[in-house]
Amino acid sequence: MSTPLLAATLVHADRVRSFHVRPTFPAGWEASESENQEVVHSQRQTDWHRVERTLLRFAQQIAELKERGWREIELPPSRTR
């Protein structure tokens, strides 16, 4: 199991948003965004510069959600790769 580059889950009322960027094997990274436990965007990337842009975009989205009253919660680590 590898350590994710980003793993964030935010809640607001009965809504949940999750953002993940994790390494995939043999090479690359998977970036995914979920809303209410349904994947709304998932992409496998092999170019580090694209991963950096995705990390920045996710960080901006997370900051905007927090400004609107969403709060980040800790979830137990996933057992999947």
N, C-alpha and C. Protein backbone atom coordinates (compact mmCIF):
# COMPACT_ATOMS: atom_id res chain seq x y z
N MET A 1 0.85 -1.17 0.00
CA MET A 1 0.00 0.00 0.00
C MET A 1 0.90 1.23 0.00
N SER A 2 0.53 2.24 -0.79
CA SER A 2 1.34 3.45 -0.88
C SER A 2 0.62 4.64 -0.24
N THR A 3 1.40 5.62 0.12
CA THR A 3 0.87 6.81 0.77
C THR A 3 0.30 7.76 -0.28
N PRO A 4 -0.94 8.22 -0.10
CA PRO A 4 -1.51 9.17 -1.06
C PRO A 4 -0.81 10.52 -0.98
N LEU A 5 -0.77 11.22 -2.11
CA LEU A 5 -0.25 12.59 -2.13
C LEU A 5 -1.27 13.54 -1.53
N LEU A 6 -2.54 13.22 -1.71
CA LEU A 6 -3.63 14.03 -1.17
C LEU A 6 -4.80 13.11 -0.87
N ALA A 7 -5.37 13.27 0.31
CA ALA A 7 -6.57 12.53 0.70
C ALA A 7 -7.35 13.45 1.62
N ALA A 8 -8.44 14.01 1.11
CA ALA A 8 -9.23 14.94 1.90
C ALA A 8 -10.71 14.63 1.73
N THR A 9 -11.43 14.66 2.85
CA THR A 9 -12.88 14.47 2.83
C THR A 9 -13.50 15.61 3.63
N LEU A 10 -14.47 16.27 3.02
CA LEU A 10 -15.14 17.40 3.66
C LEU A 10 -16.64 17.12 3.73
N VAL A 11 -17.27 17.65 4.79
CA VAL A 11 -18.71 17.46 4.97
C VAL A 11 -19.38 18.82 5.20
N HIS A 12 -20.64 18.88 4.77
CA HIS A 12 -21.47 20.06 5.01
C HIS A 12 -22.91 19.57 5.02
N ALA A 13 -23.56 19.67 6.16
CA ALA A 13 -24.91 19.13 6.34
C ALA A 13 -24.86 17.64 6.00
N ASP A 14 -25.64 17.19 5.02
CA ASP A 14 -25.64 15.77 4.67
C ASP A 14 -24.84 15.49 3.39
N ARG A 15 -24.02 16.42 2.98
CA ARG A 15 -23.21 16.25 1.77
C ARG A 15 -21.76 15.94 2.12
N VAL A 16 -21.12 15.14 1.27
CA VAL A 16 -19.73 14.73 1.46
C VAL A 16 -18.99 14.90 0.14
N ARG A 17 -17.81 15.52 0.19
CA ARG A 17 -16.93 15.66 -0.98
C ARG A 17 -15.57 15.09 -0.61
N SER A 18 -14.99 14.28 -1.52
CA SER A 18 -13.68 13.68 -1.28
C SER A 18 -12.76 13.94 -2.47
N PHE A 19 -11.49 14.13 -2.16
CA PHE A 19 -10.45 14.37 -3.16
C PHE A 19 -9.28 13.45 -2.85
N HIS A 20 -8.78 12.74 -3.87
CA HIS A 20 -7.66 11.82 -3.66
C HIS A 20 -6.69 11.90 -4.84
N VAL A 21 -5.42 11.88 -4.53
CA VAL A 21 -4.36 11.70 -5.53
C VAL A 21 -3.41 10.68 -4.93
N ARG A 22 -3.25 9.55 -5.63
CA ARG A 22 -2.41 8.47 -5.09
C ARG A 22 -1.59 7.84 -6.20
N PRO A 23 -0.42 7.33 -5.84
CA PRO A 23 0.40 6.64 -6.84
C PRO A 23 -0.29 5.36 -7.31
N THR A 24 -0.07 5.03 -8.57
CA THR A 24 -0.53 3.75 -9.11
C THR A 24 0.68 2.98 -9.59
N PHE A 25 0.51 1.70 -9.74
CA PHE A 25 1.63 0.87 -10.14
C PHE A 25 1.33 0.20 -11.47
N PRO A 26 2.29 0.12 -12.37
CA PRO A 26 3.71 0.30 -12.15
C PRO A 26 4.17 1.75 -12.19
N ALA A 27 3.41 2.65 -12.80
CA ALA A 27 3.84 4.05 -12.83
C ALA A 27 2.62 4.95 -12.95
N GLY A 28 2.76 6.18 -12.47
CA GLY A 28 1.70 7.16 -12.61
C GLY A 28 0.95 7.42 -11.32
N TRP A 29 -0.13 8.17 -11.45
CA TRP A 29 -0.95 8.57 -10.32
C TRP A 29 -2.41 8.55 -10.75
N GLU A 30 -3.28 8.32 -9.79
CA GLU A 30 -4.71 8.39 -10.03
C GLU A 30 -5.27 9.54 -9.22
N ALA A 31 -6.01 10.41 -9.88
CA ALA A 31 -6.67 11.53 -9.22
C ALA A 31 -8.17 11.30 -9.31
N SER A 32 -8.86 11.44 -8.18
CA SER A 32 -10.31 11.24 -8.21
C SER A 32 -11.00 12.23 -7.28
N GLU A 33 -12.21 12.55 -7.68
CA GLU A 33 -13.07 13.44 -6.90
C GLU A 33 -14.42 12.78 -6.78
N SER A 34 -14.95 12.73 -5.55
CA SER A 34 -16.25 12.08 -5.30
C SER A 34 -17.18 13.05 -4.59
N GLU A 35 -18.46 12.86 -4.88
CA GLU A 35 -19.48 13.62 -4.16
C GLU A 35 -20.53 12.62 -3.70
N ASN A 36 -20.79 12.62 -2.40
CA ASN A 36 -21.75 11.70 -1.79
C ASN A 36 -21.46 10.25 -2.20
N GLN A 37 -20.19 9.88 -2.14
CA GLN A 37 -19.67 8.54 -2.39
C GLN A 37 -19.79 8.08 -3.84
N GLU A 38 -20.08 8.99 -4.77
CA GLU A 38 -20.08 8.67 -6.19
C GLU A 38 -18.96 9.42 -6.87
N VAL A 39 -18.15 8.71 -7.64
CA VAL A 39 -17.03 9.33 -8.33
C VAL A 39 -17.57 10.25 -9.43
N VAL A 40 -17.19 11.53 -9.36
CA VAL A 40 -17.61 12.48 -10.38
C VAL A 40 -16.48 12.75 -11.38
N HIS A 41 -15.25 12.43 -10.98
CA HIS A 41 -14.12 12.60 -11.89
C HIS A 41 -12.98 11.68 -11.43
N SER A 42 -12.42 10.95 -12.38
CA SER A 42 -11.28 10.10 -12.08
C SER A 42 -10.38 10.08 -13.31
N GLN A 43 -9.09 10.23 -13.07
CA GLN A 43 -8.16 10.27 -14.19
C GLN A 43 -6.82 9.69 -13.77
N ARG A 44 -6.26 8.85 -14.61
CA ARG A 44 -4.91 8.32 -14.38
C ARG A 44 -3.94 9.21 -15.15
N GLN A 45 -2.88 9.64 -14.46
CA GLN A 45 -1.91 10.56 -15.06
C GLN A 45 -0.52 9.96 -14.96
N THR A 46 0.29 10.19 -16.00
CA THR A 46 1.67 9.72 -15.97
C THR A 46 2.66 10.89 -16.01
N ASP A 47 2.16 12.08 -16.25
CA ASP A 47 3.01 13.27 -16.32
C ASP A 47 2.94 14.03 -14.99
N TRP A 48 4.08 14.17 -14.32
CA TRP A 48 4.12 14.82 -13.01
C TRP A 48 3.56 16.24 -13.05
N HIS A 49 3.78 16.98 -14.13
CA HIS A 49 3.28 18.36 -14.21
C HIS A 49 1.74 18.39 -14.18
N ARG A 50 1.11 17.41 -14.78
CA ARG A 50 -0.36 17.32 -14.71
C ARG A 50 -0.81 17.02 -13.28
N VAL A 51 -0.06 16.16 -12.60
CA VAL A 51 -0.37 15.83 -11.21
C VAL A 51 -0.26 17.10 -10.36
N GLU A 52 0.79 17.88 -10.57
CA GLU A 52 0.95 19.13 -9.82
C GLU A 52 -0.24 20.07 -10.04
N ARG A 53 -0.70 20.18 -11.29
CA ARG A 53 -1.86 21.04 -11.58
C ARG A 53 -3.12 20.51 -10.91
N THR A 54 -3.28 19.19 -10.91
CA THR A 54 -4.43 18.59 -10.24
C THR A 54 -4.39 18.84 -8.74
N LEU A 55 -3.21 18.67 -8.13
CA LEU A 55 -3.06 18.95 -6.69
C LEU A 55 -3.42 20.40 -6.37
N LEU A 56 -2.97 21.33 -7.21
CA LEU A 56 -3.27 22.74 -7.01
C LEU A 56 -4.77 23.00 -7.15
N ARG A 57 -5.39 22.41 -8.18
CA ARG A 57 -6.83 22.60 -8.39
C ARG A 57 -7.62 22.04 -7.22
N PHE A 58 -7.26 20.84 -6.75
CA PHE A 58 -7.95 20.25 -5.61
C PHE A 58 -7.76 21.11 -4.36
N ALA A 59 -6.55 21.60 -4.13
CA ALA A 59 -6.29 22.46 -2.95
C ALA A 59 -7.15 23.72 -3.00
N GLN A 60 -7.31 24.30 -4.19
CA GLN A 60 -8.14 25.50 -4.34
C GLN A 60 -9.61 25.17 -4.07
N GLN A 61 -10.08 24.03 -4.59
CA GLN A 61 -11.46 23.63 -4.35
C GLN A 61 -11.71 23.39 -2.86
N ILE A 62 -10.77 22.72 -2.20
CA ILE A 62 -10.90 22.45 -0.76
C ILE A 62 -10.95 23.76 0.02
N ALA A 63 -10.08 24.72 -0.32
CA ALA A 63 -10.06 26.01 0.37
C ALA A 63 -11.39 26.75 0.17
N GLU A 64 -11.93 26.71 -1.05
CA GLU A 64 -13.21 27.37 -1.32
C GLU A 64 -14.35 26.72 -0.53
N LEU A 65 -14.35 25.40 -0.47
CA LEU A 65 -15.39 24.71 0.30
C LEU A 65 -15.30 25.08 1.78
N LYS A 66 -14.09 25.11 2.32
CA LYS A 66 -13.92 25.49 3.74
C LYS A 66 -14.40 26.90 3.99
N GLU A 67 -14.17 27.81 3.05
CA GLU A 67 -14.65 29.20 3.20
C GLU A 67 -16.18 29.25 3.23
N ARG A 68 -16.83 28.27 2.58
CA ARG A 68 -18.29 28.23 2.54
C ARG A 68 -18.88 27.38 3.67
N GLY A 69 -18.04 27.00 4.65
CA GLY A 69 -18.56 26.33 5.83
C GLY A 69 -18.38 24.82 5.86
N TRP A 70 -17.77 24.24 4.83
CA TRP A 70 -17.49 22.81 4.86
C TRP A 70 -16.38 22.57 5.87
N ARG A 71 -16.38 21.37 6.49
CA ARG A 71 -15.29 21.04 7.41
C ARG A 71 -14.66 19.72 7.00
N GLU A 72 -13.36 19.66 7.21
CA GLU A 72 -12.61 18.46 6.84
C GLU A 72 -12.71 17.43 7.96
N ILE A 73 -12.88 16.18 7.58
CA ILE A 73 -12.93 15.09 8.57
C ILE A 73 -11.85 14.07 8.24
N GLU A 74 -11.44 13.34 9.27
CA GLU A 74 -10.46 12.28 9.10
C GLU A 74 -11.19 10.96 8.93
N LEU A 75 -10.81 10.22 7.90
CA LEU A 75 -11.36 8.89 7.69
C LEU A 75 -10.27 7.86 7.93
N PRO A 76 -10.65 6.66 8.34
CA PRO A 76 -9.62 5.62 8.51
C PRO A 76 -8.94 5.34 7.17
N PRO A 77 -7.66 4.96 7.18
CA PRO A 77 -6.95 4.68 5.93
C PRO A 77 -7.63 3.57 5.14
N SER A 78 -7.62 3.73 3.82
CA SER A 78 -8.21 2.73 2.93
C SER A 78 -7.27 1.54 2.80
N ARG A 79 -7.81 0.38 2.66
CA ARG A 79 -7.01 -0.84 2.49
C ARG A 79 -6.79 -1.17 1.03
N THR A 80 -7.30 -0.34 0.11
CA THR A 80 -7.12 -0.60 -1.31
C THR A 80 -5.96 0.21 -1.85
N ARG A 81 -5.45 -0.23 -2.96
CA ARG A 81 -4.33 0.50 -3.59
C ARG A 81 -4.84 1.62 -4.42
